Structures are given as C-alpha cells and as structure tokens.
Amino acid sequence: MKFEIYTMAVFTISVCFVFIMPYSSYGSPRQPRIHRRKTNFTVALILPKIVFGTRRYHKAVNDAILALYKSRSPRFEFLNTHGHVQVDSQMISLTPNPTEILSSLCNRFLPMNVSSILYLMNYEKYGRSTASAQYFLQLAGYLGIPVIAWNADNSGLERRASQSNLQLQLAPSLEHQTAAMLSILERYKWHQFSVVTSQIAGHDDFVQAIRERIVEMQDRFKFTLLNAVLVTNSSDLIELVNSESRVMLLYATSDEANGILKAADEYKIIGENYVWVVTQSVIENLRTSHQFPIGMLGVHFDTSGVSLVNEISTAIKVFANGVENYLNDPRNANESLNTQLSCEGQGESRWKNGERFYKHLRNVSIEGDNNKPRLEFTADGVLKAAELKIMNLRRGDNKQLVWEEIGVWKSWEKEGLDIKDIVWPGNSHTPPQGVPEKFHLKITFLEEAPYISLTPPDPVSGKCNVNRGVLCRVAKEADMSQ
C-alpha cells in the first residue's frame, strides 16, 4: 500500500485501499483487504478558500466517510457489495472567473467521473460571488450532474434558472425566510404591510414568494400587501410615506439596507410606530450599523465557518443515501454512476443518468439529529424542514447595537414561532399597532333649497306660491323701531 502525504488547497480523500489521502488514512474493518474490481463512487466537493482551512476540511470529510462505515441505521450495503466513496475536493476563491469555473469542471472533476457535486459556500456578498455560483450551478445542470448545495446566498439565485440545475439545497431557502417573516406578522396581528427591496439578486423572487405565502395562509389569516417598493433612489420611499403601512419587510444587502434605512429615517418612517423586519441578507454575520433602528426584527441562520464544516457531513450523508437507493432499485441494474463526460468532445456532453440519480438523491429520508425531523426534500429540491432564528436589534451591555436571538421559527411545527421578550422600536416594551394612528375627517354638504324662505304672495290670488306655504304678517320697519 502506497501513501503520499502533502499539503495543498486541492486534495482527494478516498476510502479504498489504493488511494491518495493527505495527512492520514484509515481502513474500515468491514472492507475487504483488497477488492480491485469494486468501483469508486466519486463526488466532488467545492469549498471556500480560507487560511488554514485544508486541515479542518480534511478532518470533516474523513470523519464523515468513516461514519458511513460505522452506520447501523441505515447500513450502507453498497460499501461492501459495489465500491467505495471517494471525495475529490477543491477550494475556490470568493469570485472565481468563468475560466476558473470551467477549468474546475472540465479539467478536475469530469476526468474523475464525479456523479454529484457538493457545493458548500458561506459567502454573503450577493454580487459577483452569487453570479459565480449561478454560473457554476447552471453549467453543472447543463452537464446533467446533480448538485447538493449549502450556500448562504442561495436566496440570490434565480429560481427559473435553478430549476434546471438538478440541485438540492441544504440551507434555508428564500421561501422559508418569507414564511418565518409572515409568521411574525401573524403573531402580532399585523394584517397589512409593505415590501421593500433593493436591486439585490432575487428581489423579484422575494416578492413572488411573499405573494404565494399570502395565498397559502388566507384561510387562517388575511394579509393585505399595500406596497411593493423597489428602491433605486431614496425618493422611491415616498410611496411608503403616503401609504398607511406601518410594517415593512426589507430584502437587501447589509450595505444597501444601511442606505435605505437612513433615507427612511429622513422621511420619518422609522420610529416607535414603525416595524422593519429584515432577511438574512441584511443581518449577514450579525453585523450592525448605526443607521439600523433599535427594535428591528430579522430572520437568520448560522453561516459561520463552523456551520459550513458541519454541513460537509450532511452533504456526504445525502450522497451516500442516494447511491444506496439508486443501487437498490432493480431498474438501475445496468445503469452506471460513472458519468464518462468530457469537455473535449471525446465523451458524452450530458450525463444520461443524471436526472435519474437526482430523483434518488431528492427522495432520501435521513434521520434527524437532536430530536429534529427527518432530512427530506420537496419536489423542488428544497428542505422540507428548516429552522430559522428570530433576531432583535437592541443595545448590548456596552451600549453598542447587537443582534440578539429572541426566538426560533420551525417550519415543521404547526405553531412554529416561539418568541420571548422583544425590544420594540423606540425602546418600547409593547408592539406597535401596525396601523396609522392619524385619522382623516372629511366634511361634505348637500346642496338643496333653503329650509325657510320668505316670498311675497301671489298678487292676484293673494296666496303663497310655494306648496305648504303659510301667510304671515310682516311689520314695517317703522313699526318695529317704536
């Protein structure tokens, strides 16, 4: 057995008995000593390039694969009967250019016959990085290779383009965020609200997700969407000034939100009578700004490096379960999981079994940790069960603004929202009414004939010309003065 030990940003971890593994290796007691006829099931792993990240990533992948062999429920029989799992990993920069992305796919992963790609990123800049992710996922979809993704900026991915990407998303989706935000409004009986967005990627999808969620909830709670404002200039907020909206849902980047809220303060639509509820993209890594008003609410999920490393195990587990399901299906007896693709015209340009394998990945059902529901996906490849933290902006012990977790939203529970004490706008301890306190009084008049009129009698008949008129004597002015 031959081992090569080296350190670099690109590494390969393979659980078999003729392989290359950085730092260390191990064998499973359930593996045969040598089984050269078995086929490796190769999966690509894309990770963010960070200083000293290689060792942490390597350990997480190593532990995840070892856990597959130790697993009792379910037991992965394919590891004994068919082959081994090999993880080919690569770290990429924040904003790789198209050439780098093509090189990764064509020169790195396709020659390894990867049958799936694990794409894990925790960047939240919603600019070039999101565009790079979109390009990578679209290319993978064009090649017919399923992608198991966990990316913090997934809300910025275009839904129409993503539908063809054969993608499973492990991070809470934009739909989860909108559902959590509306559950806050339902909790405090705020029936009417407005949506404010910047030109951030996915802003149209955010508004559409809000509208769809309103329809879903209409049987138990009636919402009225007063305004949907796309802010390209601060003057666009005048629409909110002239409306009766006191609750605003904001979807923007943290920097864009800073400018929007500054303008909102100038227009006097921030204060104790106004509530702003923001998305993950505004909170990012819990950063704050002095322009953010005290009492803001937001939805958040952990995008730290620790959380990303933890998701490596989940992604590999989804892949292994998908392989087990695929191989156990008799209809796939003669269908290989080796892609045999090439960018040079020497092989197929699209994997014919990609969609079939994707369906098996999408149909996995994995036991949840810490009493959480099973990990399953919807028909769109989105997590069925997601959890989001409810955050409240308040002053900390050092008088600095801090995001504090004040509750949690769980999509799988009927009463999914659990919230404790909140500091409301204006440092109030009671929530705003959600409707304007000012009232408009309109006074109108009905034009008609006078109630009493004085006219002389008819000169011929001596009677009143007006119906129901009564003759009355009128004294002369001279008589009145006496």
Protein backbone atom coordinates (compact mmCIF):
# COMPACT_ATOMS: atom_id res chain seq x y z
CA MET A 1 0.00 0.00 0.00
CA LYS A 2 1.37 3.36 -1.04
CA PHE A 3 0.62 6.72 0.58
CA GLU A 4 1.66 10.20 -0.45
CA ILE A 5 1.45 12.86 2.24
CA TYR A 6 1.27 16.51 1.14
CA THR A 7 -0.41 19.81 1.89
CA MET A 8 -2.21 21.88 -0.71
CA ALA A 9 -5.52 23.63 -1.40
CA VAL A 10 -6.78 20.79 -3.59
CA PHE A 11 -6.94 17.36 -2.05
CA THR A 12 -8.52 13.97 -2.61
CA ILE A 13 -9.90 11.73 0.09
CA SER A 14 -10.69 8.20 -0.94
CA VAL A 15 -11.84 5.37 1.24
CA CYS A 16 -10.33 2.40 -0.53
CA PHE A 17 -7.06 0.53 -0.34
CA VAL A 18 -5.20 2.09 -3.23
CA PHE A 19 -5.64 5.84 -2.86
CA ILE A 20 -4.14 9.21 -2.16
CA MET A 21 -5.03 10.88 1.13
CA PRO A 22 -3.42 14.00 2.64
CA TYR A 23 -2.16 13.82 6.23
CA SER A 24 -3.54 10.40 7.23
CA SER A 25 -5.55 7.34 6.22
CA TYR A 26 -7.67 4.71 7.79
CA GLY A 27 -9.41 1.48 6.84
CA SER A 28 -12.75 0.09 7.84
CA PRO A 29 -12.96 -3.40 9.41
CA ARG A 30 -15.95 -4.09 7.19
CA GLN A 31 -13.94 -3.59 3.98
CA PRO A 32 -12.11 -6.45 2.29
CA ARG A 33 -8.38 -6.16 2.37
CA ILE A 34 -8.11 -5.75 -1.40
CA HIS A 35 -11.05 -5.50 -3.77
CA ARG A 36 -9.80 -4.01 -7.03
CA ARG A 37 -12.91 -4.90 -9.01
CA LYS A 38 -15.04 -2.58 -6.99
CA THR A 39 -15.93 0.80 -8.46
CA ASN A 40 -15.35 4.03 -6.60
CA PHE A 41 -18.33 6.39 -6.36
CA THR A 42 -16.72 9.78 -6.75
CA VAL A 43 -18.27 13.00 -5.51
CA ALA A 44 -16.78 16.47 -6.00
CA LEU A 45 -16.64 18.87 -3.07
CA ILE A 46 -16.39 22.65 -3.58
CA LEU A 47 -15.37 24.69 -0.52
CA PRO A 48 -14.37 28.33 0.12
CA LYS A 49 -10.67 29.03 0.16
CA ILE A 50 -9.67 30.12 3.66
CA VAL A 51 -6.39 30.27 5.54
CA PHE A 52 -5.62 27.01 7.32
CA GLY A 53 -8.90 25.57 6.02
CA THR A 54 -7.44 22.44 4.43
CA ARG A 55 -6.82 20.60 7.68
CA ARG A 56 -10.32 21.32 9.05
CA TYR A 57 -11.98 20.33 5.78
CA HIS A 58 -9.91 17.16 5.57
CA LYS A 59 -10.88 16.09 9.07
CA ALA A 60 -14.58 16.75 8.44
CA VAL A 61 -14.56 14.69 5.21
CA ASN A 62 -12.51 11.94 6.85
CA ASP A 63 -14.92 11.72 9.80
CA ALA A 64 -17.98 11.79 7.54
CA ILE A 65 -16.82 8.87 5.42
CA LEU A 66 -15.74 6.87 8.44
CA ALA A 67 -19.23 7.40 9.87
CA LEU A 68 -20.70 5.75 6.77
CA TYR A 69 -18.88 2.51 7.60
CA LYS A 70 -19.89 2.68 11.25
CA SER A 71 -23.51 3.47 10.46
CA ARG A 72 -26.04 0.97 11.75
CA SER A 73 -29.24 2.67 10.66
CA PRO A 74 -29.25 2.67 7.75
CA ARG A 75 -26.47 0.25 6.85
CA PHE A 76 -24.80 1.17 3.56
CA GLU A 77 -24.53 -2.20 1.86
CA PHE A 78 -23.08 -0.76 -1.33
CA LEU A 79 -19.81 -0.12 0.51
CA ASN A 80 -19.37 -3.89 0.76
CA THR A 81 -21.01 -5.05 -2.45
CA HIS A 82 -20.27 -2.35 -5.02
CA GLY A 83 -17.47 0.01 -4.10
CA HIS A 84 -16.23 2.89 -2.01
CA VAL A 85 -16.93 6.60 -1.68
CA GLN A 86 -14.24 8.91 -2.97
CA VAL A 87 -14.36 12.66 -2.31
CA ASP A 88 -12.45 14.92 -4.69
CA SER A 89 -12.26 18.34 -3.04
CA GLN A 90 -11.27 21.76 -4.28
CA MET A 91 -11.18 25.15 -2.61
CA ILE A 92 -12.11 28.13 -4.74
CA SER A 93 -11.92 31.90 -4.26
CA LEU A 94 -14.79 34.24 -3.46
CA THR A 95 -15.35 35.34 -7.05
CA PRO A 96 -13.86 32.81 -9.46
CA ASN A 97 -13.90 33.93 -13.08
CA PRO A 98 -15.61 31.82 -15.76
CA THR A 99 -12.30 30.34 -16.86
CA GLU A 100 -11.57 29.04 -13.35
CA ILE A 101 -15.06 27.53 -13.11
CA LEU A 102 -14.73 25.82 -16.48
CA SER A 103 -11.29 24.53 -15.53
CA SER A 104 -12.64 23.02 -12.30
CA LEU A 105 -15.37 21.15 -14.14
CA CYS A 106 -13.57 20.16 -17.31
CA ASN A 107 -10.04 19.52 -16.07
CA ARG A 108 -10.64 18.49 -12.48
CA PHE A 109 -14.00 16.83 -11.92
CA LEU A 110 -15.09 15.32 -15.24
CA PRO A 111 -11.93 13.19 -15.61
CA MET A 112 -12.72 11.82 -12.11
CA ASN A 113 -16.21 10.74 -13.29
CA VAL A 114 -17.93 12.55 -10.44
CA SER A 115 -21.59 11.54 -10.11
CA SER A 116 -22.52 14.51 -7.91
CA ILE A 117 -21.09 17.83 -6.74
CA LEU A 118 -21.26 19.08 -3.16
CA TYR A 119 -21.23 22.88 -3.32
CA LEU A 120 -20.73 24.50 0.10
CA MET A 121 -20.20 28.26 0.37
CA ASN A 122 -20.82 30.74 3.19
CA TYR A 123 -20.12 33.99 1.32
CA GLU A 124 -22.91 36.58 1.58
CA LYS A 125 -21.95 39.41 -0.76
CA TYR A 126 -24.78 38.89 -3.29
CA GLY A 127 -22.71 40.33 -6.10
CA ARG A 128 -20.09 38.63 -8.22
CA SER A 129 -19.94 35.68 -5.82
CA THR A 130 -23.64 34.96 -6.34
CA ALA A 131 -23.21 35.33 -10.10
CA SER A 132 -20.29 32.87 -9.97
CA ALA A 133 -22.40 30.39 -8.02
CA GLN A 134 -25.22 30.79 -10.53
CA TYR A 135 -22.84 30.16 -13.43
CA PHE A 136 -21.32 27.09 -11.79
CA LEU A 137 -24.70 25.55 -10.95
CA GLN A 138 -26.03 26.22 -14.45
CA LEU A 139 -23.01 24.52 -16.01
CA ALA A 140 -23.43 21.52 -13.72
CA GLY A 141 -27.11 21.37 -14.71
CA TYR A 142 -26.17 21.55 -18.39
CA LEU A 143 -23.84 18.57 -17.87
CA GLY A 144 -26.61 16.68 -16.06
CA ILE A 145 -24.65 16.37 -12.80
CA PRO A 146 -26.75 16.67 -9.59
CA VAL A 147 -25.62 19.28 -7.07
CA ILE A 148 -26.07 19.09 -3.29
CA ALA A 149 -25.61 22.70 -2.20
CA TRP A 150 -25.35 24.65 1.01
CA ASN A 151 -24.72 28.27 0.15
CA ALA A 152 -25.57 31.22 2.37
CA ASP A 153 -26.56 33.44 -0.56
CA ASN A 154 -28.93 30.88 -2.11
CA SER A 155 -31.77 33.43 -1.92
CA GLY A 156 -29.97 35.38 -4.65
CA LEU A 157 -30.05 32.51 -7.13
CA GLU A 158 -32.59 32.91 -9.88
CA ARG A 159 -35.37 30.38 -9.39
CA ARG A 160 -36.16 29.96 -13.08
CA ALA A 161 -32.54 29.21 -13.88
CA SER A 162 -32.09 26.96 -10.84
CA GLN A 163 -34.94 24.66 -11.78
CA SER A 164 -32.80 23.03 -14.48
CA ASN A 165 -29.78 22.59 -12.22
CA LEU A 166 -30.75 19.28 -10.61
CA GLN A 167 -30.00 20.99 -7.31
CA LEU A 168 -30.76 20.08 -3.69
CA GLN A 169 -30.45 22.96 -1.21
CA LEU A 170 -29.44 22.18 2.39
CA ALA A 171 -29.63 25.80 3.60
CA PRO A 172 -32.94 27.50 4.47
CA SER A 173 -34.45 28.89 1.29
CA LEU A 174 -35.97 32.25 0.44
CA GLU A 175 -39.40 30.65 0.86
CA HIS A 176 -38.51 29.62 4.41
CA GLN A 177 -37.45 33.17 5.22
CA THR A 178 -40.67 34.70 3.89
CA ALA A 179 -42.75 32.14 5.81
CA ALA A 180 -40.92 32.99 9.04
CA MET A 181 -41.35 36.74 8.47
CA LEU A 182 -45.08 36.43 7.87
CA SER A 183 -45.45 34.24 10.94
CA ILE A 184 -44.13 37.20 12.97
CA LEU A 185 -46.81 39.42 11.44
CA GLU A 186 -49.45 36.82 12.19
CA ARG A 187 -48.27 36.53 15.80
CA TYR A 188 -48.85 40.25 16.45
CA LYS A 189 -51.99 40.56 14.27
CA TRP A 190 -50.42 42.88 11.72
CA HIS A 191 -52.68 42.37 8.73
CA GLN A 192 -51.29 45.00 6.39
CA PHE A 193 -47.69 45.59 5.39
CA SER A 194 -45.36 46.67 2.59
CA VAL A 195 -42.36 45.04 0.95
CA VAL A 196 -39.17 47.00 0.32
CA THR A 197 -36.33 45.60 -1.80
CA SER A 198 -33.15 46.84 -3.40
CA GLN A 199 -31.91 45.54 -6.73
CA ILE A 200 -30.25 42.62 -4.93
CA ALA A 201 -30.24 39.32 -6.81
CA GLY A 202 -33.50 37.51 -6.20
CA HIS A 203 -35.60 40.57 -5.32
CA ASP A 204 -38.37 39.57 -7.74
CA ASP A 205 -38.39 36.06 -6.27
CA PHE A 206 -38.74 37.53 -2.78
CA VAL A 207 -41.86 39.50 -3.71
CA GLN A 208 -43.30 36.49 -5.51
CA ALA A 209 -42.61 34.23 -2.51
CA ILE A 210 -44.42 36.74 -0.27
CA ARG A 211 -47.46 36.76 -2.55
CA GLU A 212 -47.57 32.96 -2.74
CA ARG A 213 -47.32 32.65 1.04
CA ILE A 214 -50.18 35.14 1.49
CA VAL A 215 -52.38 32.91 -0.68
CA GLU A 216 -51.38 29.81 1.30
CA MET A 217 -52.30 31.48 4.61
CA GLN A 218 -55.52 33.20 3.53
CA ASP A 219 -57.79 30.59 5.17
CA ARG A 220 -56.42 31.27 8.65
CA PHE A 221 -55.08 34.85 8.43
CA LYS A 222 -55.82 37.64 5.99
CA PHE A 223 -52.90 39.75 4.78
CA THR A 224 -53.01 42.91 2.70
CA LEU A 225 -49.87 43.81 0.76
CA LEU A 226 -50.12 47.60 0.49
CA ASN A 227 -46.94 48.39 -1.46
CA ALA A 228 -44.04 46.59 -3.12
CA VAL A 229 -41.30 49.19 -3.43
CA LEU A 230 -38.12 48.63 -5.43
CA VAL A 231 -35.61 51.19 -4.17
CA THR A 232 -33.25 52.54 -6.79
CA ASN A 233 -33.26 56.03 -5.32
CA SER A 234 -34.13 57.32 -1.86
CA SER A 235 -37.11 59.18 -3.31
CA ASP A 236 -38.74 55.83 -4.05
CA LEU A 237 -39.61 55.63 -0.33
CA ILE A 238 -42.11 58.49 -0.73
CA GLU A 239 -44.59 55.79 -1.72
CA LEU A 240 -44.38 54.48 1.85
CA VAL A 241 -44.73 57.97 3.32
CA ASN A 242 -48.05 58.39 1.52
CA SER A 243 -49.37 54.94 2.47
CA GLU A 244 -50.90 53.60 5.65
CA SER A 245 -48.21 50.93 6.01
CA ARG A 246 -46.53 50.71 9.40
CA VAL A 247 -44.89 47.29 8.92
CA MET A 248 -42.16 46.84 6.30
CA LEU A 249 -40.40 43.66 5.13
CA LEU A 250 -36.93 44.51 3.82
CA TYR A 251 -34.83 42.38 1.45
CA ALA A 252 -31.45 43.90 0.55
CA THR A 253 -27.76 43.53 1.27
CA SER A 254 -26.46 44.90 4.55
CA ASP A 255 -24.85 47.90 2.83
CA GLU A 256 -27.97 48.63 0.78
CA ALA A 257 -30.16 48.34 3.88
CA ASN A 258 -27.93 50.92 5.56
CA GLY A 259 -28.74 53.47 2.85
CA ILE A 260 -32.43 52.58 2.70
CA LEU A 261 -32.92 52.90 6.45
CA LYS A 262 -31.01 56.17 6.52
CA ALA A 263 -33.40 57.58 3.92
CA ALA A 264 -36.36 56.09 5.80
CA ASP A 265 -35.26 57.98 8.91
CA GLU A 266 -35.19 61.23 6.96
CA TYR A 267 -38.71 60.55 5.72
CA LYS A 268 -39.87 59.88 9.30
CA ILE A 269 -40.96 56.31 8.59
CA ILE A 270 -38.78 54.93 11.35
CA GLY A 271 -39.74 55.16 15.00
CA GLU A 272 -41.95 53.64 17.63
CA ASN A 273 -44.92 53.37 15.26
CA TYR A 274 -42.99 51.56 12.51
CA VAL A 275 -41.64 48.00 12.39
CA TRP A 276 -38.96 46.82 9.98
CA VAL A 277 -38.48 43.06 9.54
CA VAL A 278 -35.37 42.06 7.58
CA THR A 279 -33.98 38.98 5.87
CA GLN A 280 -30.78 37.01 6.38
CA SER A 281 -29.07 39.11 3.70
CA VAL A 282 -29.38 42.25 5.87
CA ILE A 283 -28.16 40.60 9.06
CA GLU A 284 -25.35 38.61 7.35
CA ASN A 285 -22.88 37.57 10.07
CA LEU A 286 -24.72 39.60 12.74
CA ARG A 287 -23.11 42.86 11.67
CA THR A 288 -24.88 46.09 12.64
CA SER A 289 -24.93 49.73 11.59
CA HIS A 290 -25.79 52.92 13.46
CA GLN A 291 -28.42 53.52 10.78
CA PHE A 292 -30.33 50.42 11.85
CA PRO A 293 -33.17 51.43 14.19
CA ILE A 294 -33.50 49.79 17.60
CA GLY A 295 -36.32 47.29 17.62
CA MET A 296 -35.75 45.86 14.15
CA LEU A 297 -36.63 42.20 13.73
CA GLY A 298 -34.98 39.72 11.39
CA VAL A 299 -34.64 36.08 10.41
CA HIS A 300 -31.23 34.43 10.49
CA PHE A 301 -29.38 31.14 10.11
CA ASP A 302 -25.78 30.44 11.05
CA THR A 303 -23.35 30.90 8.15
CA SER A 304 -20.10 30.68 10.12
CA GLY A 305 -17.19 28.51 9.12
CA VAL A 306 -18.10 26.04 11.86
CA SER A 307 -21.60 25.66 10.45
CA LEU A 308 -20.21 25.14 6.95
CA VAL A 309 -17.84 22.41 8.14
CA ASN A 310 -20.73 20.67 9.91
CA GLU A 311 -22.69 20.61 6.67
CA ILE A 312 -19.94 18.59 4.96
CA SER A 313 -21.09 15.52 6.89
CA THR A 314 -24.74 16.16 5.99
CA ALA A 315 -23.96 16.55 2.28
CA ILE A 316 -21.89 13.34 2.17
CA LYS A 317 -24.65 11.51 4.02
CA VAL A 318 -27.21 12.66 1.44
CA PHE A 319 -24.93 11.45 -1.36
CA ALA A 320 -24.38 8.05 0.26
CA ASN A 321 -28.10 7.54 0.83
CA GLY A 322 -28.78 8.49 -2.77
CA VAL A 323 -26.22 5.95 -4.01
CA GLU A 324 -27.73 3.25 -1.79
CA ASN A 325 -31.24 3.99 -3.10
CA TYR A 326 -30.03 4.06 -6.70
CA LEU A 327 -28.25 0.71 -6.49
CA ASN A 328 -31.16 -0.93 -4.67
CA ASP A 329 -33.55 -0.05 -7.49
CA PRO A 330 -33.68 -3.06 -9.89
CA ARG A 331 -34.34 -0.70 -12.80
CA ASN A 332 -30.80 0.64 -12.41
CA ALA A 333 -29.09 -2.76 -12.55
CA ASN A 334 -27.29 -1.91 -15.79
CA GLU A 335 -27.05 1.85 -15.27
CA SER A 336 -23.65 3.07 -14.07
CA LEU A 337 -22.95 6.04 -11.83
CA ASN A 338 -19.80 6.85 -13.81
CA THR A 339 -20.55 9.91 -15.89
CA GLN A 340 -17.96 9.46 -18.68
CA LEU A 341 -18.25 13.11 -19.67
CA SER A 342 -15.73 15.30 -21.44
CA CYS A 343 -15.41 18.92 -22.49
CA GLU A 344 -13.15 17.90 -25.39
CA GLY A 345 -15.77 16.10 -27.46
CA GLN A 346 -14.38 12.65 -26.61
CA GLY A 347 -17.32 11.55 -24.46
CA GLU A 348 -20.90 12.48 -23.80
CA SER A 349 -21.75 16.17 -23.25
CA ARG A 350 -24.57 15.41 -20.80
CA TRP A 351 -24.90 12.53 -18.35
CA LYS A 352 -27.90 10.47 -19.38
CA ASN A 353 -28.42 9.06 -15.86
CA GLY A 354 -28.11 12.43 -14.12
CA GLU A 355 -31.82 13.11 -13.73
CA ARG A 356 -32.45 9.52 -12.61
CA PHE A 357 -29.77 9.74 -9.93
CA TYR A 358 -31.05 13.17 -8.89
CA LYS A 359 -34.50 11.73 -8.18
CA HIS A 360 -32.96 9.13 -5.85
CA LEU A 361 -31.00 11.88 -4.08
CA ARG A 362 -34.13 14.00 -3.76
CA ASN A 363 -36.09 11.08 -2.28
CA VAL A 364 -33.67 10.35 0.56
CA SER A 365 -35.00 10.33 4.10
CA ILE A 366 -32.33 10.67 6.77
CA GLU A 367 -32.88 10.53 10.50
CA GLY A 368 -32.58 13.96 12.09
CA ASP A 369 -30.24 14.93 14.92
CA ASN A 370 -31.27 16.26 18.35
CA ASN A 371 -34.98 15.37 18.01
CA LYS A 372 -35.29 17.21 14.73
CA PRO A 373 -37.46 15.81 11.91
CA ARG A 374 -36.02 13.65 9.19
CA LEU A 375 -33.97 15.34 6.49
CA GLU A 376 -36.13 15.28 3.36
CA PHE A 377 -36.59 17.43 0.27
CA THR A 378 -39.57 18.84 -1.59
CA ALA A 379 -40.17 18.23 -5.28
CA ASP A 380 -38.23 21.48 -5.93
CA GLY A 381 -35.17 20.22 -4.05
CA VAL A 382 -35.73 22.47 -1.01
CA LEU A 383 -35.56 21.25 2.59
CA LYS A 384 -38.96 20.22 3.93
CA ALA A 385 -37.96 21.10 7.50
CA ALA A 386 -35.95 24.24 8.17
CA GLU A 387 -35.19 26.24 11.29
CA LEU A 388 -34.52 29.98 11.49
CA LYS A 389 -33.55 32.19 14.39
CA ILE A 390 -35.63 35.30 15.12
CA MET A 391 -33.33 38.23 15.87
CA ASN A 392 -33.98 41.56 17.59
CA LEU A 393 -31.75 44.62 17.34
CA ARG A 394 -31.14 46.16 20.77
CA ARG A 395 -28.41 47.81 22.81
CA GLY A 396 -25.98 45.46 24.49
CA ASP A 397 -24.19 45.82 27.80
CA ASN A 398 -21.60 48.13 26.22
CA LYS A 399 -24.35 50.32 24.71
CA GLN A 400 -23.49 49.05 21.24
CA LEU A 401 -26.19 47.78 18.91
CA VAL A 402 -26.29 43.99 18.81
CA TRP A 403 -28.47 41.36 17.17
CA GLU A 404 -29.87 39.16 19.90
CA GLU A 405 -31.69 35.88 19.35
CA ILE A 406 -35.16 36.19 20.86
CA GLY A 407 -36.86 33.18 19.37
CA VAL A 408 -36.92 30.46 16.77
CA TRP A 409 -39.14 29.51 13.85
CA LYS A 410 -39.55 25.82 12.95
CA SER A 411 -41.27 25.02 9.69
CA TRP A 412 -42.37 21.56 10.81
CA GLU A 413 -44.41 22.74 13.79
CA LYS A 414 -47.99 23.99 13.50
CA GLU A 415 -47.26 26.84 15.87
CA GLY A 416 -43.76 27.19 14.52
CA LEU A 417 -42.92 30.54 16.08
CA ASP A 418 -41.55 30.76 19.62
CA ILE A 419 -40.58 34.28 20.76
CA LYS A 420 -39.56 35.74 24.11
CA ASP A 421 -39.36 39.40 25.19
CA ILE A 422 -38.69 41.90 22.42
CA VAL A 423 -37.33 45.44 22.50
CA TRP A 424 -39.69 47.25 20.13
CA PRO A 425 -38.99 50.40 18.10
CA GLY A 426 -38.46 53.41 20.34
CA ASN A 427 -37.26 51.08 23.15
CA SER A 428 -40.91 50.27 23.81
CA HIS A 429 -42.00 47.07 25.56
CA THR A 430 -45.28 46.87 23.67
CA PRO A 431 -45.62 46.16 19.96
CA PRO A 432 -46.85 48.83 17.56
CA GLN A 433 -50.44 48.61 16.36
CA GLY A 434 -49.35 48.10 12.78
CA VAL A 435 -51.84 50.69 11.52
CA PRO A 436 -51.65 54.50 11.45
CA GLU A 437 -52.96 56.44 14.44
CA LYS A 438 -53.91 59.53 12.45
CA PHE A 439 -57.42 59.82 11.02
CA HIS A 440 -58.75 61.84 8.09
CA LEU A 441 -62.12 63.59 8.66
CA LYS A 442 -63.98 64.63 5.52
CA ILE A 443 -66.96 67.08 5.72
CA THR A 444 -69.43 67.28 2.84
CA PHE A 445 -72.58 69.38 2.17
CA LEU A 446 -75.79 68.57 0.33
CA GLU A 447 -76.96 71.40 -1.88
CA GLU A 448 -80.74 71.97 -1.66
CA ALA A 449 -83.34 74.70 -1.26
CA PRO A 450 -83.31 76.75 1.99
CA TYR A 451 -85.28 75.37 4.92
CA ILE A 452 -87.14 78.71 5.40
CA SER A 453 -87.81 81.16 2.56
CA LEU A 454 -89.69 84.44 2.53
CA THR A 455 -91.53 85.44 -0.65
CA PRO A 456 -94.40 87.79 -1.39
CA PRO A 457 -97.85 86.28 -2.05
CA ASP A 458 -99.38 85.98 -5.46
CA PRO A 459 -100.57 89.50 -6.43
CA VAL A 460 -103.81 88.17 -7.96
CA SER A 461 -104.92 85.41 -5.58
CA GLY A 462 -103.11 86.69 -2.51
CA LYS A 463 -101.99 83.16 -1.74
CA CYS A 464 -98.49 81.67 -1.31
CA ASN A 465 -96.89 80.32 -4.44
CA VAL A 466 -94.84 77.75 -2.53
CA ASN A 467 -96.50 74.47 -1.56
CA ARG A 468 -97.40 74.29 2.09
CA GLY A 469 -96.65 77.99 2.42
CA VAL A 470 -98.17 79.89 5.32
CA LEU A 471 -99.31 83.54 5.17
CA CYS A 472 -97.63 85.64 7.77
CA ARG A 473 -97.81 89.32 8.55
CA VAL A 474 -94.63 91.34 8.37
CA ALA A 475 -94.42 94.52 10.31
CA LYS A 476 -92.99 97.64 8.75
CA GLU A 477 -89.53 98.73 9.85
CA ALA A 478 -91.03 101.90 11.27
CA ASP A 479 -93.38 99.89 13.45
CA MET A 480 -90.55 97.69 14.64
CA SER A 481 -88.49 100.67 15.78
CA GLN A 482 -91.26 102.01 18.02
